[in-house]
Amino acid sequence: MASDEEDQDRRKPRSVYGVGDEPDARFSLANERTALAWMRTGLALVAGGVALTTLAGVADLPVFVDVMAALVCLGGGLVAVSALIGWRRVERALRLALPLPAPRILVGVGLGIVVLALVFSGYAMFEALQR
């Protein structure tokens, strides 16, 4: 049977699990749940972008909608990458008994939502005035 130290040596990524001491499992699991929630958000953005571009193709909407769909998909990918980076930062801080880092993803997602809302609102008003 492997010892705890041998198990720890096998855990990946080493940049996270190879430093500091093992934190309380509740905190590590909460950090993992948060990262998974952000992953679901990123996946929802990608799915929304795919749905939008599919709708644009079926309804013969302008290329603008496809471009916005692509941007939404890319945003979803950025959210997923940011979730991984955030998980790593927090897990290392827990293991090293450092203060938890401030979340970076919140501002970007919030601004992205505001920009998308403004762009799509402007597009809807432009289309309404063209009729």
N, C-alpha and C. Protein backbone atom coordinates (compact mmCIF):
# COMPACT_ATOMS: atom_id res chain seq x y z
N MET A 1 0.85 -1.19 0.00
CA MET A 1 0.00 0.00 0.00
C MET A 1 0.89 1.24 0.00
N ALA A 2 0.54 2.21 -0.84
CA ALA A 2 1.35 3.43 -0.98
C ALA A 2 1.15 4.35 0.20
N SER A 3 2.21 5.04 0.57
CA SER A 3 2.11 6.00 1.67
C SER A 3 1.49 7.30 1.16
N ASP A 4 1.11 8.17 2.09
CA ASP A 4 0.52 9.47 1.73
C ASP A 4 1.50 10.29 0.91
N GLU A 5 2.81 10.20 1.26
CA GLU A 5 3.82 10.97 0.53
C GLU A 5 3.95 10.48 -0.90
N GLU A 6 3.89 9.15 -1.10
CA GLU A 6 3.96 8.61 -2.46
C GLU A 6 2.72 9.01 -3.27
N ASP A 7 1.54 9.01 -2.64
CA ASP A 7 0.32 9.44 -3.32
C ASP A 7 0.43 10.90 -3.75
N GLN A 8 0.98 11.71 -2.84
CA GLN A 8 1.11 13.13 -3.15
C GLN A 8 2.09 13.35 -4.31
N ASP A 9 3.11 12.52 -4.39
CA ASP A 9 4.09 12.65 -5.48
C ASP A 9 3.47 12.31 -6.82
N ARG A 10 2.42 11.52 -6.87
CA ARG A 10 1.78 11.13 -8.12
C ARG A 10 0.70 12.11 -8.56
N ARG A 11 0.26 12.96 -7.68
CA ARG A 11 -0.83 13.88 -8.03
C ARG A 11 -0.35 14.94 -8.99
N LYS A 12 -1.18 15.23 -9.96
CA LYS A 12 -0.86 16.24 -10.97
C LYS A 12 -1.90 17.33 -10.89
N PRO A 13 -1.61 18.56 -11.16
CA PRO A 13 -0.32 19.09 -11.59
C PRO A 13 0.63 19.27 -10.41
N ARG A 14 1.88 18.99 -10.66
CA ARG A 14 2.90 19.10 -9.61
C ARG A 14 3.06 20.56 -9.15
N SER A 15 2.79 21.51 -10.04
CA SER A 15 2.92 22.93 -9.66
C SER A 15 1.92 23.30 -8.57
N VAL A 16 0.87 22.51 -8.42
CA VAL A 16 -0.13 22.75 -7.37
C VAL A 16 0.10 21.81 -6.20
N TYR A 17 0.13 20.51 -6.47
CA TYR A 17 0.18 19.52 -5.40
C TYR A 17 1.58 19.28 -4.86
N GLY A 18 2.59 19.83 -5.52
CA GLY A 18 3.96 19.64 -5.06
C GLY A 18 4.44 20.70 -4.09
N VAL A 19 3.55 21.62 -3.71
CA VAL A 19 3.96 22.69 -2.79
C VAL A 19 3.10 22.65 -1.53
N GLY A 20 3.66 23.16 -0.46
CA GLY A 20 2.92 23.36 0.78
C GLY A 20 2.39 22.09 1.42
N ASP A 21 1.42 22.31 2.30
CA ASP A 21 0.80 21.23 3.06
C ASP A 21 -0.62 20.99 2.57
N GLU A 22 -1.08 19.79 2.83
CA GLU A 22 -2.44 19.42 2.43
C GLU A 22 -3.44 20.26 3.24
N PRO A 23 -4.31 21.04 2.56
CA PRO A 23 -5.30 21.86 3.28
C PRO A 23 -6.48 20.99 3.72
N ASP A 24 -7.35 21.58 4.49
CA ASP A 24 -8.60 20.93 4.87
C ASP A 24 -9.34 20.56 3.59
N ALA A 25 -9.79 19.33 3.48
CA ALA A 25 -10.44 18.83 2.27
C ALA A 25 -11.67 19.67 1.90
N ARG A 26 -12.36 20.20 2.90
CA ARG A 26 -13.57 21.00 2.61
C ARG A 26 -13.23 22.22 1.76
N PHE A 27 -12.08 22.85 2.04
CA PHE A 27 -11.70 24.04 1.29
C PHE A 27 -11.27 23.67 -0.13
N SER A 28 -10.52 22.59 -0.26
CA SER A 28 -10.13 22.14 -1.61
C SER A 28 -11.35 21.76 -2.43
N LEU A 29 -12.29 21.06 -1.82
CA LEU A 29 -13.49 20.66 -2.56
C LEU A 29 -14.36 21.86 -2.91
N ALA A 30 -14.42 22.86 -2.04
CA ALA A 30 -15.17 24.07 -2.36
C ALA A 30 -14.52 24.80 -3.53
N ASN A 31 -13.20 24.84 -3.55
CA ASN A 31 -12.47 25.45 -4.65
C ASN A 31 -12.75 24.70 -5.96
N GLU A 32 -12.78 23.38 -5.88
CA GLU A 32 -13.07 22.58 -7.08
C GLU A 32 -14.50 22.81 -7.57
N ARG A 33 -15.45 22.89 -6.64
CA ARG A 33 -16.85 23.14 -7.03
C ARG A 33 -16.98 24.49 -7.71
N THR A 34 -16.27 25.49 -7.21
CA THR A 34 -16.31 26.82 -7.82
C THR A 34 -15.75 26.76 -9.24
N ALA A 35 -14.63 26.08 -9.42
CA ALA A 35 -14.03 25.96 -10.75
C ALA A 35 -14.99 25.23 -11.70
N LEU A 36 -15.63 24.19 -11.21
CA LEU A 36 -16.58 23.45 -12.06
C LEU A 36 -17.79 24.31 -12.42
N ALA A 37 -18.23 25.16 -11.50
CA ALA A 37 -19.35 26.06 -11.81
C ALA A 37 -18.95 27.03 -12.92
N TRP A 38 -17.72 27.55 -12.86
CA TRP A 38 -17.25 28.43 -13.93
C TRP A 38 -17.11 27.67 -15.24
N MET A 39 -16.70 26.40 -15.15
CA MET A 39 -16.62 25.57 -16.37
C MET A 39 -18.01 25.42 -17.00
N ARG A 40 -19.01 25.19 -16.17
CA ARG A 40 -20.39 25.08 -16.69
C ARG A 40 -20.83 26.39 -17.34
N THR A 41 -20.43 27.51 -16.76
CA THR A 41 -20.75 28.80 -17.35
C THR A 41 -20.09 28.94 -18.72
N GLY A 42 -18.82 28.56 -18.81
CA GLY A 42 -18.13 28.60 -20.09
C GLY A 42 -18.78 27.70 -21.12
N LEU A 43 -19.17 26.50 -20.69
CA LEU A 43 -19.84 25.57 -21.60
C LEU A 43 -21.19 26.12 -22.05
N ALA A 44 -21.91 26.78 -21.15
CA ALA A 44 -23.20 27.39 -21.52
C ALA A 44 -23.00 28.50 -22.55
N LEU A 45 -21.92 29.27 -22.41
CA LEU A 45 -21.64 30.31 -23.39
C LEU A 45 -21.32 29.70 -24.76
N VAL A 46 -20.53 28.64 -24.78
CA VAL A 46 -20.22 27.98 -26.05
C VAL A 46 -21.51 27.42 -26.67
N ALA A 47 -22.34 26.77 -25.85
CA ALA A 47 -23.60 26.22 -26.37
C ALA A 47 -24.51 27.34 -26.88
N GLY A 48 -24.54 28.48 -26.18
CA GLY A 48 -25.34 29.61 -26.64
C GLY A 48 -24.83 30.16 -27.95
N GLY A 49 -23.52 30.21 -28.11
CA GLY A 49 -22.95 30.67 -29.37
C GLY A 49 -23.27 29.74 -30.53
N VAL A 50 -23.21 28.43 -30.25
CA VAL A 50 -23.56 27.45 -31.29
C VAL A 50 -25.04 27.58 -31.66
N ALA A 51 -25.89 27.74 -30.64
CA ALA A 51 -27.32 27.91 -30.91
C ALA A 51 -27.58 29.18 -31.72
N LEU A 52 -26.89 30.24 -31.39
CA LEU A 52 -27.07 31.51 -32.10
C LEU A 52 -26.65 31.41 -33.56
N THR A 53 -25.51 30.78 -33.81
CA THR A 53 -25.07 30.66 -35.20
C THR A 53 -25.96 29.69 -35.98
N THR A 54 -26.50 28.67 -35.32
CA THR A 54 -27.45 27.76 -35.97
C THR A 54 -28.72 28.51 -36.34
N LEU A 55 -29.22 29.31 -35.41
CA LEU A 55 -30.41 30.12 -35.68
C LEU A 55 -30.15 31.10 -36.82
N ALA A 56 -28.98 31.69 -36.83
CA ALA A 56 -28.64 32.63 -37.90
C ALA A 56 -28.66 31.95 -39.26
N GLY A 57 -28.20 30.71 -39.31
CA GLY A 57 -28.20 29.97 -40.56
C GLY A 57 -29.60 29.58 -41.01
N VAL A 58 -30.43 29.16 -40.07
CA VAL A 58 -31.79 28.73 -40.39
C VAL A 58 -32.66 29.92 -40.76
N ALA A 59 -32.52 31.02 -40.03
CA ALA A 59 -33.38 32.19 -40.25
C ALA A 59 -32.79 33.17 -41.25
N ASP A 60 -31.66 32.82 -41.84
CA ASP A 60 -30.99 33.68 -42.82
C ASP A 60 -30.73 35.08 -42.25
N LEU A 61 -30.15 35.12 -41.06
CA LEU A 61 -29.81 36.38 -40.42
C LEU A 61 -28.47 36.90 -40.95
N PRO A 62 -28.19 38.18 -40.74
CA PRO A 62 -26.94 38.76 -41.26
C PRO A 62 -25.69 38.11 -40.63
N VAL A 63 -24.56 38.31 -41.28
CA VAL A 63 -23.28 37.78 -40.82
C VAL A 63 -22.93 38.31 -39.42
N PHE A 64 -23.43 39.49 -39.09
CA PHE A 64 -23.19 40.08 -37.77
C PHE A 64 -23.54 39.10 -36.66
N VAL A 65 -24.64 38.37 -36.81
CA VAL A 65 -25.07 37.43 -35.78
C VAL A 65 -24.06 36.28 -35.66
N ASP A 66 -23.54 35.82 -36.79
CA ASP A 66 -22.52 34.77 -36.75
C ASP A 66 -21.24 35.26 -36.06
N VAL A 67 -20.88 36.50 -36.33
CA VAL A 67 -19.69 37.07 -35.69
C VAL A 67 -19.90 37.15 -34.18
N MET A 68 -21.06 37.61 -33.76
CA MET A 68 -21.35 37.69 -32.33
C MET A 68 -21.38 36.30 -31.71
N ALA A 69 -21.91 35.31 -32.43
CA ALA A 69 -21.93 33.93 -31.93
C ALA A 69 -20.51 33.42 -31.73
N ALA A 70 -19.63 33.73 -32.68
CA ALA A 70 -18.23 33.31 -32.55
C ALA A 70 -17.59 33.96 -31.33
N LEU A 71 -17.88 35.24 -31.10
CA LEU A 71 -17.33 35.93 -29.93
C LEU A 71 -17.85 35.34 -28.63
N VAL A 72 -19.12 34.95 -28.61
CA VAL A 72 -19.69 34.32 -27.42
C VAL A 72 -18.99 32.97 -27.16
N CYS A 73 -18.76 32.20 -28.23
CA CYS A 73 -18.05 30.92 -28.08
C CYS A 73 -16.63 31.14 -27.55
N LEU A 74 -15.94 32.11 -28.10
CA LEU A 74 -14.59 32.41 -27.62
C LEU A 74 -14.61 32.86 -26.16
N GLY A 75 -15.62 33.64 -25.80
CA GLY A 75 -15.77 34.06 -24.41
C GLY A 75 -15.95 32.86 -23.49
N GLY A 76 -16.73 31.87 -23.94
CA GLY A 76 -16.90 30.66 -23.16
C GLY A 76 -15.59 29.92 -22.95
N GLY A 77 -14.78 29.87 -24.00
CA GLY A 77 -13.46 29.25 -23.86
C GLY A 77 -12.58 30.00 -22.89
N LEU A 78 -12.63 31.33 -22.94
CA LEU A 78 -11.85 32.15 -22.00
C LEU A 78 -12.30 31.94 -20.56
N VAL A 79 -13.60 31.80 -20.36
CA VAL A 79 -14.11 31.54 -19.01
C VAL A 79 -13.59 30.20 -18.50
N ALA A 80 -13.56 29.18 -19.36
CA ALA A 80 -13.06 27.87 -18.95
C ALA A 80 -11.58 27.93 -18.58
N VAL A 81 -10.78 28.60 -19.40
CA VAL A 81 -9.35 28.74 -19.10
C VAL A 81 -9.15 29.53 -17.81
N SER A 82 -9.93 30.57 -17.64
CA SER A 82 -9.83 31.39 -16.44
C SER A 82 -10.22 30.58 -15.20
N ALA A 83 -11.18 29.67 -15.34
CA ALA A 83 -11.58 28.81 -14.23
C ALA A 83 -10.41 27.92 -13.80
N LEU A 84 -9.69 27.37 -14.75
CA LEU A 84 -8.53 26.54 -14.42
C LEU A 84 -7.44 27.35 -13.73
N ILE A 85 -7.18 28.53 -14.25
CA ILE A 85 -6.14 29.38 -13.65
C ILE A 85 -6.56 29.80 -12.24
N GLY A 86 -7.83 30.16 -12.07
CA GLY A 86 -8.33 30.55 -10.76
C GLY A 86 -8.26 29.40 -9.76
N TRP A 87 -8.63 28.19 -10.21
CA TRP A 87 -8.55 27.02 -9.33
C TRP A 87 -7.11 26.83 -8.85
N ARG A 88 -6.17 26.92 -9.79
CA ARG A 88 -4.75 26.72 -9.45
C ARG A 88 -4.28 27.77 -8.45
N ARG A 89 -4.63 29.03 -8.68
CA ARG A 89 -4.20 30.11 -7.79
C ARG A 89 -4.73 29.90 -6.37
N VAL A 90 -6.00 29.54 -6.26
CA VAL A 90 -6.61 29.36 -4.94
C VAL A 90 -6.05 28.12 -4.25
N GLU A 91 -5.92 27.03 -5.00
CA GLU A 91 -5.41 25.78 -4.40
C GLU A 91 -3.98 25.97 -3.88
N ARG A 92 -3.15 26.67 -4.63
CA ARG A 92 -1.78 26.94 -4.16
C ARG A 92 -1.81 27.82 -2.90
N ALA A 93 -2.68 28.83 -2.90
CA ALA A 93 -2.78 29.69 -1.71
C ALA A 93 -3.22 28.89 -0.49
N LEU A 94 -4.17 27.98 -0.68
CA LEU A 94 -4.61 27.12 0.43
C LEU A 94 -3.46 26.26 0.94
N ARG A 95 -2.71 25.68 0.03
CA ARG A 95 -1.63 24.77 0.40
C ARG A 95 -0.47 25.51 1.08
N LEU A 96 -0.27 26.77 0.72
CA LEU A 96 0.83 27.56 1.28
C LEU A 96 0.38 28.45 2.43
N ALA A 97 -0.89 28.32 2.84
CA ALA A 97 -1.45 29.12 3.94
C ALA A 97 -1.31 30.62 3.67
N LEU A 98 -1.55 31.01 2.42
CA LEU A 98 -1.51 32.42 2.02
C LEU A 98 -2.93 32.96 1.94
N PRO A 99 -3.08 34.29 1.96
CA PRO A 99 -4.43 34.85 1.75
C PRO A 99 -4.94 34.44 0.36
N LEU A 100 -6.24 34.22 0.27
CA LEU A 100 -6.81 33.83 -1.01
C LEU A 100 -6.73 34.99 -2.00
N PRO A 101 -6.36 34.69 -3.23
CA PRO A 101 -6.27 35.75 -4.24
C PRO A 101 -7.65 36.25 -4.64
N ALA A 102 -7.70 37.49 -5.06
CA ALA A 102 -8.97 38.07 -5.53
C ALA A 102 -9.37 37.40 -6.84
N PRO A 103 -10.67 37.18 -7.04
CA PRO A 103 -11.09 36.57 -8.30
C PRO A 103 -10.92 37.55 -9.45
N ARG A 104 -10.34 37.06 -10.54
CA ARG A 104 -10.12 37.91 -11.71
C ARG A 104 -11.24 37.77 -12.73
N ILE A 105 -11.93 36.66 -12.69
CA ILE A 105 -12.89 36.33 -13.74
C ILE A 105 -14.18 37.15 -13.63
N LEU A 106 -14.53 37.57 -12.43
CA LEU A 106 -15.81 38.25 -12.23
C LEU A 106 -15.93 39.54 -13.04
N VAL A 107 -14.90 40.35 -13.02
CA VAL A 107 -14.95 41.62 -13.73
C VAL A 107 -15.08 41.38 -15.23
N GLY A 108 -14.30 40.45 -15.75
CA GLY A 108 -14.35 40.17 -17.19
C GLY A 108 -15.70 39.64 -17.64
N VAL A 109 -16.26 38.73 -16.87
CA VAL A 109 -17.57 38.18 -17.23
C VAL A 109 -18.64 39.27 -17.12
N GLY A 110 -18.58 40.05 -16.07
CA GLY A 110 -19.56 41.13 -15.91
C GLY A 110 -19.50 42.14 -17.05
N LEU A 111 -18.29 42.56 -17.39
CA LEU A 111 -18.13 43.50 -18.51
C LEU A 111 -18.56 42.87 -19.83
N GLY A 112 -18.23 41.60 -20.02
CA GLY A 112 -18.63 40.90 -21.24
C GLY A 112 -20.14 40.85 -21.40
N ILE A 113 -20.84 40.60 -20.31
CA ILE A 113 -22.31 40.56 -20.35
C ILE A 113 -22.87 41.93 -20.70
N VAL A 114 -22.32 42.97 -20.09
CA VAL A 114 -22.79 44.33 -20.38
C VAL A 114 -22.55 44.67 -21.85
N VAL A 115 -21.37 44.35 -22.36
CA VAL A 115 -21.06 44.65 -23.77
C VAL A 115 -21.99 43.88 -24.69
N LEU A 116 -22.19 42.57 -24.44
CA LEU A 116 -23.11 41.78 -25.27
C LEU A 116 -24.52 42.35 -25.23
N ALA A 117 -24.98 42.74 -24.04
CA ALA A 117 -26.32 43.30 -23.91
C ALA A 117 -26.45 44.59 -24.72
N LEU A 118 -25.44 45.45 -24.64
CA LEU A 118 -25.48 46.70 -25.39
C LEU A 118 -25.43 46.47 -26.90
N VAL A 119 -24.56 45.56 -27.33
CA VAL A 119 -24.43 45.29 -28.77
C VAL A 119 -25.72 44.69 -29.33
N PHE A 120 -26.26 43.69 -28.65
CA PHE A 120 -27.49 43.07 -29.15
C PHE A 120 -28.69 44.01 -29.04
N SER A 121 -28.72 44.86 -28.02
CA SER A 121 -29.79 45.85 -27.92
C SER A 121 -29.69 46.85 -29.07
N GLY A 122 -28.48 47.30 -29.35
CA GLY A 122 -28.28 48.21 -30.47
C GLY A 122 -28.65 47.57 -31.80
N TYR A 123 -28.29 46.30 -31.96
CA TYR A 123 -28.64 45.58 -33.18
C TYR A 123 -30.16 45.45 -33.32
N ALA A 124 -30.83 45.11 -32.23
CA ALA A 124 -32.29 44.96 -32.26
C ALA A 124 -32.96 46.29 -32.61
N MET A 125 -32.48 47.39 -32.03
CA MET A 125 -33.05 48.70 -32.34
C MET A 125 -32.80 49.08 -33.80
N PHE A 126 -31.60 48.81 -34.30
CA PHE A 126 -31.26 49.09 -35.68
C PHE A 126 -32.17 48.31 -36.62
N GLU A 127 -32.38 47.04 -36.35
CA GLU A 127 -33.24 46.21 -37.17
C GLU A 127 -34.70 46.70 -37.11
N ALA A 128 -35.15 47.11 -35.91
CA ALA A 128 -36.52 47.60 -35.77
C ALA A 128 -36.73 48.89 -36.56
N LEU A 129 -35.74 49.76 -36.57
CA LEU A 129 -35.86 51.02 -37.31
C LEU A 129 -35.80 50.81 -38.83
N GLN A 130 -35.21 49.72 -39.27
CA GLN A 130 -35.13 49.43 -40.70
C GLN A 130 -36.46 48.94 -41.28
N ARG A 131 -37.36 48.54 -40.43
CA ARG A 131 -38.65 47.99 -40.92
C ARG A 131 -39.64 49.06 -41.18
